[in-house]
Amino acid sequence: MRLFDDAKWLTSSTIFLGVLTAMRSVLTLSIVGPAVIGVWKACMALYPLGEISRLGVSKGMSILTPVLSGQGQDSDSERAAQTAGDFSIIAGAASGFGAFAWSFFVDDAEYRMALRFMAIVLLLAQPHQFLRDFAVATRRFPIRAKENVFTAFAEFFFFIGLASWFGLAGLGMAACLSIALPGLYLLWQLKFKFRLHPPTKSVLPLMKNGLPLSGAETLYELTRRMDLIFLTILMGPTWVGFYGISLLVMDFAVFLARYGVSQVVSPNLLHEFGREGSLEKVATYYEIPARLCCYVLPPLLSVGALTLPMFVQVALPQYVPGIEAAQIAIWGLIFVTIHASLISFLVAAGKLFQEIKMLGAVLPASAMLQLGSFRLGLGLEGAAAAALLTLAIVAAAEITLARRCEDYSTAQIAGFVATLYLPTVVCLASTFLVQAWDVSRIVPVLFTLPFKALIVVVGYSPIFLAYEFRFSLLRSIRHEAAA
């Protein structure tokens, strides 16, 4: 399956980028402190504005280009890409102008400055994101992988250096440079030329195909960020800063799922769907990543949750109030990965409007969960738990939509969800039990953490072995890599 070969390029580079980004984020958090990072993170919540301004055109290109290529219509595929590229310039100008205009109505000087940097970020991000989408849609994964590595180093050095010298302004400058330079690299490598033609009727099919996907992804982002929205409104930037560890964890999870999973699955699934026209034949493209992440990731996340307090206390002591919330948020990686593996199948199945309706129903429920957690005085931990529960509900609903397309019964769908969620539930419960267990009488203090991690991993091993015996996914990946 080409999926594994493409994943070798993009997923490996995405993991490298994610690890370096996490290191950069940790150092940046330490440099600027909770108050400054709270202002920047609050303004970064505007980032979905760029997605809205594209009106689904880039998403439409991501759908149509691989499908048309699979059908052998290469000239139509190229025309769709050119139209989307030209439109991305207009979208960047519109979203950037909106953020810049808003800054004049903000009294706080720091928020005003951050908004003006965000205006430049939104201006640059639209053509940059198009070039990334174009590289993936045309399945030029080596180029996209190299851009990941370039971006990783650019962000690392720009954010640390400029934040050290200029604080909040340095964060803004680093964000702009970290988009502009990798964008120029992609432009050079892909040999794409922006022609800056005004929109014509050729943009309409892209909007028709892309707007539902763009709308679904925007609603998903709003639902996912409901914790940040309520924290900003009800508790202020300093508490948002303490919550920065949780935001860092979730940003890493979404980044890894989106660029390491979705951008590998989507073009391959849609290309195959264009060639075969059968949902049954492309279902494995979402089933394999979903299955794999649901029994491989839980023990890794458990070890991460157990080691997180020690890491924060040593490296980021000013963020200690956010430790317990981050230990909850880390489990969200499972559910965002399921979403990333499923979304392109829902595109092929024509179920995006049902996805939008579902998210539209979950969005107010997520808001009520967040509000309820604050009313109960659960603080940062309540916000993280409400966000995790929301992600689990969304993933289960998306699985239901996908399995309905293949005529599975309610009992079969429930069984599939249960087998996906069981490893996470077991690992999550055992992690919190082991964390509360005082083992100081059994092992020396120095070995407490490794001992607890070992207990969780050993206890989970029968489930892991049973799943691998049943599905043989790790063996399949090893055989594909050897071939």
Protein backbone atom coordinates (compact mmCIF):
# COMPACT_ATOMS: atom_id res chain seq x y z
CA MET A 1 0.00 0.00 0.00
CA ARG A 2 1.45 3.38 -1.01
CA LEU A 3 0.08 4.81 2.24
CA PHE A 4 3.01 3.39 4.22
CA ASP A 5 5.60 4.59 1.72
CA ASP A 6 4.21 8.14 1.76
CA ALA A 7 3.94 8.05 5.53
CA LYS A 8 7.65 7.25 5.68
CA TRP A 9 8.37 10.70 4.22
CA LEU A 10 5.71 12.93 5.67
CA THR A 11 5.01 11.37 9.05
CA SER A 12 8.70 11.03 9.95
CA SER A 13 9.40 14.67 9.05
CA THR A 14 6.24 15.74 10.88
CA ILE A 15 7.39 13.95 14.03
CA PHE A 16 10.77 15.67 13.74
CA LEU A 17 9.04 19.03 13.27
CA GLY A 18 6.70 18.28 16.16
CA VAL A 19 9.52 17.36 18.54
CA LEU A 20 11.58 20.43 17.63
CA THR A 21 8.45 22.58 17.85
CA ALA A 22 7.72 21.20 21.32
CA MET A 23 11.28 21.98 22.43
CA ARG A 24 10.98 25.47 20.94
CA SER A 25 7.62 26.02 22.64
CA VAL A 26 8.94 24.92 26.01
CA LEU A 27 11.91 27.29 25.75
CA THR A 28 9.64 30.09 24.56
CA LEU A 29 7.25 29.54 27.47
CA SER A 30 10.20 29.80 29.83
CA ILE A 31 11.54 32.95 28.17
CA VAL A 32 8.40 35.10 27.92
CA GLY A 33 6.36 33.88 30.92
CA PRO A 34 2.63 33.13 31.37
CA ALA A 35 1.26 36.66 30.91
CA VAL A 36 2.92 37.30 27.53
CA ILE A 37 2.20 33.81 26.19
CA GLY A 38 -1.41 34.24 27.28
CA VAL A 39 -1.79 37.38 25.13
CA TRP A 40 -0.18 35.68 22.11
CA LYS A 41 -2.21 32.47 22.46
CA ALA A 42 -5.42 34.46 22.79
CA CYS A 43 -4.67 36.30 19.52
CA MET A 44 -3.65 33.03 17.85
CA ALA A 45 -7.26 31.94 18.33
CA LEU A 46 -7.90 34.14 15.26
CA TYR A 47 -5.93 31.72 13.09
CA PRO A 48 -9.12 29.91 11.92
CA LEU A 49 -10.08 33.27 10.34
CA GLY A 50 -7.66 32.38 7.56
CA GLU A 51 -9.51 29.14 6.93
CA ILE A 52 -12.79 31.04 6.70
CA SER A 53 -11.34 33.63 4.30
CA ARG A 54 -10.30 30.92 1.83
CA LEU A 55 -14.00 30.11 1.34
CA GLY A 56 -13.16 26.47 0.88
CA VAL A 57 -11.21 27.06 -2.34
CA SER A 58 -7.94 25.50 -1.14
CA LYS A 59 -9.86 22.62 0.43
CA GLY A 60 -11.72 22.14 -2.83
CA MET A 61 -8.40 21.91 -4.64
CA SER A 62 -7.22 19.31 -2.12
CA ILE A 63 -10.29 17.23 -2.94
CA LEU A 64 -10.56 17.70 -6.71
CA THR A 65 -6.88 17.51 -7.66
CA PRO A 66 -6.26 13.92 -6.48
CA VAL A 67 -9.72 12.75 -7.61
CA LEU A 68 -9.29 14.22 -11.12
CA SER A 69 -5.76 12.83 -11.25
CA GLY A 70 -7.11 9.40 -10.34
CA GLN A 71 -9.62 9.70 -13.17
CA GLY A 72 -6.84 10.64 -15.64
CA GLN A 73 -8.05 14.26 -16.10
CA ASP A 74 -4.65 15.90 -15.57
CA SER A 75 -5.41 19.22 -17.32
CA ASP A 76 -8.52 19.78 -15.18
CA SER A 77 -6.47 18.88 -12.11
CA GLU A 78 -3.83 21.50 -12.96
CA ARG A 79 -6.48 24.13 -13.69
CA ALA A 80 -8.09 23.58 -10.28
CA ALA A 81 -4.72 24.04 -8.56
CA GLN A 82 -3.95 27.28 -10.43
CA THR A 83 -7.34 28.77 -9.55
CA ALA A 84 -6.92 27.91 -5.88
CA GLY A 85 -3.40 29.37 -5.77
CA ASP A 86 -4.51 32.69 -7.20
CA PHE A 87 -7.43 32.85 -4.80
CA SER A 88 -5.18 32.23 -1.78
CA ILE A 89 -3.53 35.63 -2.35
CA ILE A 90 -6.94 37.34 -2.18
CA ALA A 91 -7.88 35.35 0.92
CA GLY A 92 -4.65 36.35 2.67
CA ALA A 93 -5.22 40.03 1.93
CA ALA A 94 -8.83 39.88 3.20
CA SER A 95 -8.07 38.07 6.48
CA GLY A 96 -4.99 40.19 7.17
CA PHE A 97 -6.92 43.41 6.60
CA GLY A 98 -9.68 42.20 8.93
CA ALA A 99 -7.26 41.52 11.80
CA PHE A 100 -5.42 44.80 11.23
CA ALA A 101 -8.66 46.82 11.21
CA TRP A 102 -9.79 45.12 14.43
CA SER A 103 -6.58 46.20 16.18
CA PHE A 104 -7.72 49.85 16.07
CA PHE A 105 -10.67 49.00 18.33
CA VAL A 106 -8.51 47.36 21.04
CA ASP A 107 -7.42 49.51 23.99
CA ASP A 108 -4.75 47.26 25.46
CA ALA A 109 -1.39 48.04 23.82
CA GLU A 110 -0.07 44.47 23.97
CA TYR A 111 -3.21 42.97 22.44
CA ARG A 112 -3.16 45.68 19.77
CA MET A 113 0.43 44.92 18.81
CA ALA A 114 -0.21 41.16 18.79
CA LEU A 115 -3.23 41.63 16.53
CA ARG A 116 -1.16 43.61 14.02
CA PHE A 117 1.42 40.85 13.86
CA MET A 118 -1.44 38.39 13.46
CA ALA A 119 -2.60 40.42 10.47
CA ILE A 120 0.75 39.77 8.76
CA VAL A 121 0.61 36.10 9.78
CA LEU A 122 -2.84 35.71 8.22
CA LEU A 123 -1.71 37.51 5.05
CA LEU A 124 1.27 35.17 4.58
CA ALA A 125 -0.33 31.99 5.85
CA GLN A 126 -2.93 31.66 3.09
CA PRO A 127 -0.57 31.25 0.10
CA HIS A 128 1.81 29.25 2.29
CA GLN A 129 -0.97 26.85 3.29
CA PHE A 130 -2.06 26.56 -0.33
CA LEU A 131 1.46 25.53 -1.35
CA ARG A 132 1.48 22.91 1.39
CA ASP A 133 -1.92 21.62 0.26
CA PHE A 134 -0.78 21.60 -3.36
CA ALA A 135 2.33 19.56 -2.55
CA VAL A 136 0.21 17.00 -0.70
CA ALA A 137 -2.63 16.93 -3.27
CA THR A 138 -0.10 16.16 -6.02
CA ARG A 139 1.55 13.63 -3.68
CA ARG A 140 4.97 15.24 -3.77
CA PHE A 141 5.66 14.14 -0.23
CA PRO A 142 9.50 14.39 -0.31
CA ILE A 143 9.22 18.15 -1.03
CA ARG A 144 6.62 18.58 1.70
CA ALA A 145 8.79 16.57 4.11
CA LYS A 146 11.84 18.75 3.44
CA GLU A 147 9.74 21.87 4.01
CA ASN A 148 8.77 20.41 7.40
CA VAL A 149 12.43 20.13 8.35
CA PHE A 150 13.14 23.68 7.08
CA THR A 151 10.19 25.00 9.07
CA ALA A 152 11.32 23.17 12.20
CA PHE A 153 14.74 24.84 12.21
CA ALA A 154 13.35 28.26 11.19
CA GLU A 155 10.77 28.28 13.99
CA PHE A 156 13.25 27.01 16.56
CA PHE A 157 15.86 29.69 15.99
CA PHE A 158 13.51 32.60 15.18
CA PHE A 159 11.17 32.10 18.14
CA ILE A 160 13.88 31.54 20.72
CA GLY A 161 16.15 34.32 19.47
CA LEU A 162 13.54 36.98 18.78
CA ALA A 163 11.44 36.21 21.87
CA SER A 164 14.58 36.58 24.01
CA TRP A 165 15.33 40.00 22.52
CA PHE A 166 11.89 41.52 21.93
CA GLY A 167 9.35 39.58 24.01
CA LEU A 168 5.83 39.73 22.58
CA ALA A 169 6.99 41.62 19.48
CA GLY A 170 9.61 38.91 18.97
CA LEU A 171 6.91 36.25 18.94
CA GLY A 172 5.11 38.17 16.20
CA MET A 173 8.25 38.66 14.11
CA ALA A 174 9.20 34.99 14.49
CA ALA A 175 5.75 33.84 13.40
CA CYS A 176 5.94 35.97 10.24
CA LEU A 177 9.44 34.82 9.28
CA SER A 178 8.62 31.17 10.01
CA ILE A 179 5.83 31.31 7.44
CA ALA A 180 7.47 33.51 4.79
CA LEU A 181 10.76 31.61 4.36
CA PRO A 182 9.32 28.06 4.15
CA GLY A 183 6.69 29.44 1.78
CA LEU A 184 9.41 30.73 -0.54
CA TYR A 185 11.11 27.33 -0.37
CA LEU A 186 7.91 25.56 -1.46
CA LEU A 187 7.37 28.09 -4.23
CA TRP A 188 10.84 27.35 -5.57
CA GLN A 189 10.64 23.57 -5.27
CA LEU A 190 7.10 23.15 -6.63
CA LYS A 191 7.74 25.61 -9.47
CA PHE A 192 4.27 27.02 -8.98
CA LYS A 193 3.52 30.49 -10.37
CA PHE A 194 0.88 32.73 -8.84
CA ARG A 195 -0.76 34.61 -11.72
CA LEU A 196 -2.95 36.87 -9.55
CA HIS A 197 -5.92 36.56 -11.87
CA PRO A 198 -9.21 37.88 -10.48
CA PRO A 199 -11.76 35.21 -9.46
CA THR A 200 -13.79 33.68 -12.32
CA LYS A 201 -16.45 31.01 -12.60
CA SER A 202 -13.70 28.41 -12.33
CA VAL A 203 -13.54 29.09 -8.58
CA LEU A 204 -17.17 27.97 -8.06
CA PRO A 205 -16.57 24.18 -8.30
CA LEU A 206 -13.74 24.53 -5.82
CA MET A 207 -15.98 26.41 -3.40
CA LYS A 208 -18.76 23.87 -3.88
CA ASN A 209 -16.44 21.01 -2.96
CA GLY A 210 -14.32 22.84 -0.41
CA LEU A 211 -16.76 24.98 1.57
CA PRO A 212 -18.37 22.02 3.35
CA LEU A 213 -14.94 20.68 4.32
CA SER A 214 -13.73 24.14 5.35
CA GLY A 215 -16.90 24.69 7.36
CA ALA A 216 -16.54 21.31 9.06
CA GLU A 217 -12.89 21.94 9.94
CA THR A 218 -13.65 25.44 11.23
CA LEU A 219 -16.44 24.11 13.44
CA TYR A 220 -14.12 21.37 14.66
CA GLU A 221 -11.47 23.94 15.56
CA LEU A 222 -14.01 26.12 17.38
CA THR A 223 -15.29 23.10 19.27
CA ARG A 224 -11.75 22.04 20.12
CA ARG A 225 -10.77 25.53 21.30
CA MET A 226 -13.81 26.11 23.50
CA ASP A 227 -11.61 25.69 26.58
CA LEU A 228 -9.31 28.49 25.41
CA ILE A 229 -12.26 30.76 24.63
CA PHE A 230 -13.84 30.33 28.07
CA LEU A 231 -10.50 30.65 29.88
CA THR A 232 -9.75 33.90 28.04
CA ILE A 233 -13.16 35.37 28.86
CA LEU A 234 -13.61 34.15 32.43
CA MET A 235 -10.09 33.88 33.86
CA GLY A 236 -7.83 36.21 31.86
CA PRO A 237 -4.46 35.92 30.08
CA THR A 238 -2.38 34.79 33.08
CA TRP A 239 -4.51 31.68 33.59
CA VAL A 240 -4.47 31.10 29.84
CA GLY A 241 -0.70 31.23 30.21
CA PHE A 242 -0.75 28.59 32.97
CA TYR A 243 -2.94 26.52 30.65
CA GLY A 244 -0.22 26.96 28.03
CA ILE A 245 1.16 23.48 28.78
CA SER A 246 -2.21 21.95 27.85
CA LEU A 247 -2.42 24.13 24.75
CA LEU A 248 1.10 23.07 23.79
CA VAL A 249 0.13 19.40 24.17
CA MET A 250 -3.04 19.80 22.10
CA ASP A 251 -1.36 21.91 19.43
CA PHE A 252 1.25 19.18 19.09
CA ALA A 253 -1.49 16.53 18.88
CA VAL A 254 -3.45 18.39 16.21
CA PHE A 255 -0.29 19.20 14.28
CA LEU A 256 0.83 15.57 14.27
CA ALA A 257 -2.63 14.31 13.32
CA ARG A 258 -3.19 16.87 10.60
CA TYR A 259 0.20 16.79 8.93
CA GLY A 260 1.37 13.32 9.85
CA VAL A 261 -1.90 11.43 9.31
CA SER A 262 -4.53 13.41 7.40
CA GLN A 263 -2.16 14.73 4.73
CA VAL A 264 -0.97 11.19 4.04
CA VAL A 265 -4.38 9.50 4.13
CA SER A 266 -6.40 12.13 2.24
CA PRO A 267 -4.69 12.34 -1.19
CA ASN A 268 -4.18 8.58 -1.36
CA LEU A 269 -7.76 7.83 -0.35
CA LEU A 270 -9.23 10.39 -2.77
CA HIS A 271 -6.95 9.33 -5.64
CA GLU A 272 -8.00 5.72 -5.13
CA PHE A 273 -11.65 6.74 -4.84
CA GLY A 274 -11.37 8.67 -8.14
CA ARG A 275 -9.89 5.57 -9.75
CA GLU A 276 -12.19 2.94 -8.25
CA GLY A 277 -15.33 4.88 -7.26
CA SER A 278 -15.95 2.48 -4.35
CA LEU A 279 -16.22 3.44 -0.67
CA GLU A 280 -15.69 -0.16 0.44
CA LYS A 281 -12.33 -0.31 -1.34
CA VAL A 282 -11.01 2.86 0.31
CA ALA A 283 -12.35 2.23 3.83
CA THR A 284 -9.04 0.64 4.87
CA TYR A 285 -7.37 4.02 4.42
CA TYR A 286 -9.10 5.32 7.55
CA GLU A 287 -9.45 2.03 9.41
CA ILE A 288 -5.72 1.27 9.50
CA PRO A 289 -4.54 4.62 11.02
CA ALA A 290 -7.47 4.65 13.47
CA ARG A 291 -6.83 1.10 14.63
CA LEU A 292 -3.08 1.63 14.86
CA CYS A 293 -3.21 4.82 16.92
CA CYS A 294 -5.81 3.42 19.30
CA TYR A 295 -3.70 0.52 20.53
CA VAL A 296 -0.16 1.87 20.04
CA LEU A 297 -0.52 5.40 21.44
CA PRO A 298 -2.18 4.80 24.87
CA PRO A 299 0.89 3.34 26.66
CA LEU A 300 3.07 6.09 25.19
CA LEU A 301 0.62 8.75 26.39
CA SER A 302 0.52 7.11 29.80
CA VAL A 303 4.29 7.41 30.15
CA GLY A 304 4.02 11.00 28.93
CA ALA A 305 1.36 11.85 31.51
CA LEU A 306 3.42 10.31 34.32
CA THR A 307 6.65 12.13 33.40
CA LEU A 308 5.02 15.49 32.66
CA PRO A 309 5.01 16.82 36.28
CA MET A 310 8.73 16.21 36.72
CA PHE A 311 9.51 17.85 33.38
CA VAL A 312 7.42 20.97 34.11
CA GLN A 313 8.77 21.34 37.65
CA VAL A 314 12.34 21.26 36.36
CA ALA A 315 12.06 23.12 33.05
CA LEU A 316 9.01 25.38 33.52
CA PRO A 317 8.38 25.90 37.25
CA GLN A 318 6.26 29.00 36.62
CA TYR A 319 3.69 26.81 34.82
CA VAL A 320 3.21 24.31 37.68
CA PRO A 321 -0.48 25.32 38.18
CA GLY A 322 -1.22 23.86 34.73
CA ILE A 323 0.33 20.41 35.25
CA GLU A 324 -2.81 18.44 36.12
CA ALA A 325 -4.76 19.97 33.23
CA ALA A 326 -1.99 18.99 30.80
CA GLN A 327 -2.04 15.42 32.13
CA ILE A 328 -5.68 15.26 31.06
CA ALA A 329 -5.24 17.08 27.75
CA ILE A 330 -2.50 14.73 26.54
CA TRP A 331 -5.09 11.97 25.92
CA GLY A 332 -6.75 14.12 23.27
CA LEU A 333 -4.12 12.94 20.77
CA ILE A 334 -6.11 9.71 20.33
CA PHE A 335 -9.29 11.45 19.30
CA VAL A 336 -7.78 14.09 17.01
CA THR A 337 -5.93 11.28 15.20
CA ILE A 338 -9.22 9.44 14.66
CA HIS A 339 -10.70 12.65 13.26
CA ALA A 340 -7.71 13.17 10.95
CA SER A 341 -7.97 9.64 9.55
CA LEU A 342 -11.73 9.84 9.00
CA ILE A 343 -12.34 13.24 7.45
CA SER A 344 -11.27 12.40 3.88
CA PHE A 345 -13.50 9.31 3.88
CA LEU A 346 -16.45 11.51 4.86
CA VAL A 347 -15.49 13.77 1.93
CA ALA A 348 -15.53 10.85 -0.51
CA ALA A 349 -18.82 9.61 0.95
CA GLY A 350 -20.49 13.02 0.58
CA LYS A 351 -21.23 13.21 4.32
CA LEU A 352 -19.77 16.60 5.13
CA PHE A 353 -23.15 18.29 5.63
CA GLN A 354 -24.03 15.61 8.17
CA GLU A 355 -20.62 16.26 9.78
CA ILE A 356 -21.43 19.98 9.97
CA LYS A 357 -24.82 19.28 11.54
CA MET A 358 -23.22 17.00 14.10
CA LEU A 359 -20.53 19.56 14.99
CA GLY A 360 -23.19 22.28 15.13
CA ALA A 361 -24.97 20.21 17.78
CA VAL A 362 -21.79 19.40 19.72
CA LEU A 363 -20.51 23.02 19.74
CA PRO A 364 -23.12 24.39 22.22
CA ALA A 365 -22.82 21.18 24.24
CA SER A 366 -19.07 21.79 24.49
CA ALA A 367 -19.73 25.36 25.60
CA MET A 368 -22.13 24.12 28.28
CA LEU A 369 -19.55 21.59 29.50
CA GLN A 370 -16.96 24.34 29.80
CA LEU A 371 -19.36 26.70 31.56
CA GLY A 372 -20.45 23.92 33.91
CA SER A 373 -16.86 23.11 34.83
CA PHE A 374 -16.20 26.76 35.71
CA ARG A 375 -19.43 27.04 37.70
CA LEU A 376 -18.38 23.96 39.69
CA GLY A 377 -15.01 25.56 40.39
CA LEU A 378 -13.02 22.82 38.63
CA GLY A 379 -10.58 25.36 37.15
CA LEU A 380 -8.01 24.36 34.56
CA GLU A 381 -8.50 20.64 35.18
CA GLY A 382 -12.24 20.96 34.50
CA ALA A 383 -11.59 22.85 31.26
CA ALA A 384 -9.19 20.13 30.07
CA ALA A 385 -11.57 17.30 31.05
CA ALA A 386 -14.51 18.98 29.28
CA ALA A 387 -12.37 19.44 26.14
CA LEU A 388 -11.27 15.78 26.22
CA LEU A 389 -14.84 14.53 26.61
CA THR A 390 -15.91 16.73 23.69
CA LEU A 391 -13.20 15.29 21.43
CA ALA A 392 -14.21 11.73 22.36
CA ILE A 393 -17.87 12.46 21.53
CA VAL A 394 -16.97 14.02 18.18
CA ALA A 395 -14.73 11.08 17.21
CA ALA A 396 -17.46 8.55 18.08
CA ALA A 397 -20.01 10.51 16.05
CA GLU A 398 -17.66 10.66 13.04
CA ILE A 399 -17.03 6.92 13.25
CA THR A 400 -20.80 6.39 13.23
CA LEU A 401 -21.20 8.54 10.11
CA ALA A 402 -18.44 6.66 8.31
CA ARG A 403 -19.66 3.18 9.23
CA ARG A 404 -23.22 4.02 8.22
CA CYS A 405 -21.89 4.64 4.70
CA GLU A 406 -20.79 1.01 4.62
CA ASP A 407 -24.18 -0.26 5.90
CA TYR A 408 -22.96 -1.42 9.30
CA SER A 409 -25.60 -1.97 11.95
CA THR A 410 -25.79 0.01 15.18
CA ALA A 411 -24.44 -2.96 17.13
CA GLN A 412 -21.48 -3.32 14.74
CA ILE A 413 -20.70 0.38 14.95
CA ALA A 414 -20.87 0.30 18.76
CA GLY A 415 -18.51 -2.67 18.76
CA PHE A 416 -16.06 -0.87 16.49
CA VAL A 417 -16.07 2.24 18.70
CA ALA A 418 -15.67 0.08 21.81
CA THR A 419 -12.62 -1.71 20.40
CA LEU A 420 -11.07 1.64 19.45
CA TYR A 421 -11.72 3.25 22.82
CA LEU A 422 -11.00 0.27 25.11
CA PRO A 423 -7.16 0.64 25.15
CA THR A 424 -7.45 4.35 25.95
CA VAL A 425 -9.95 3.79 28.77
CA VAL A 426 -7.78 1.07 30.31
CA CYS A 427 -4.57 3.08 30.06
CA LEU A 428 -6.19 6.31 31.27
CA ALA A 429 -7.70 4.64 34.32
CA SER A 430 -4.52 2.73 35.22
CA THR A 431 -2.42 5.88 34.80
CA PHE A 432 -4.47 7.89 37.27
CA LEU A 433 -4.59 4.98 39.74
CA VAL A 434 -0.83 4.44 39.57
CA GLN A 435 -0.23 8.18 39.84
CA ALA A 436 -2.14 8.31 43.12
CA TRP A 437 -0.37 5.21 44.48
CA ASP A 438 2.32 5.88 47.08
CA VAL A 439 5.10 3.43 46.21
CA SER A 440 7.79 4.99 48.40
CA ARG A 441 7.77 1.94 50.69
CA ILE A 442 8.38 -0.41 47.77
CA VAL A 443 11.02 1.36 45.69
CA PRO A 444 13.48 4.22 46.33
CA VAL A 445 12.23 7.70 45.43
CA LEU A 446 14.62 7.89 42.49
CA PHE A 447 12.95 4.88 40.87
CA THR A 448 9.34 5.82 41.63
CA LEU A 449 8.55 7.18 38.18
CA PRO A 450 10.11 4.33 36.14
CA PHE A 451 8.38 1.81 38.43
CA LYS A 452 4.95 3.38 37.90
CA ALA A 453 5.48 3.58 34.15
CA LEU A 454 6.54 -0.07 34.11
CA ILE A 455 3.40 -1.09 36.02
CA VAL A 456 1.18 0.63 33.44
CA VAL A 457 3.03 -0.77 30.42
CA VAL A 458 3.16 -4.33 31.77
CA GLY A 459 -0.51 -4.19 32.74
CA TYR A 460 -1.41 -2.98 29.26
CA SER A 461 0.73 -5.51 27.36
CA PRO A 462 -1.98 -8.25 27.11
CA ILE A 463 -4.28 -5.79 25.33
CA PHE A 464 -1.51 -4.68 23.01
CA LEU A 465 -0.53 -8.26 22.13
CA ALA A 466 -4.17 -9.22 21.55
CA TYR A 467 -4.72 -6.29 19.18
CA GLU A 468 -1.48 -6.89 17.29
CA PHE A 469 -2.31 -10.62 16.97
CA ARG A 470 -5.75 -9.69 15.60
CA PHE A 471 -4.76 -6.85 13.22
CA SER A 472 -0.98 -7.29 12.60
CA LEU A 473 -0.57 -3.59 11.79
CA LEU A 474 2.92 -3.12 13.18
CA ARG A 475 4.08 -6.22 11.32
CA SER A 476 2.53 -4.88 8.11
CA ILE A 477 4.38 -1.57 8.50
CA ARG A 478 7.64 -3.40 9.16
CA HIS A 479 7.19 -5.55 6.04
CA GLU A 480 6.32 -2.48 3.93
CA ALA A 481 9.38 -0.64 5.20
CA ALA A 482 11.62 -3.64 4.42
CA ALA A 483 10.18 -3.88 0.91
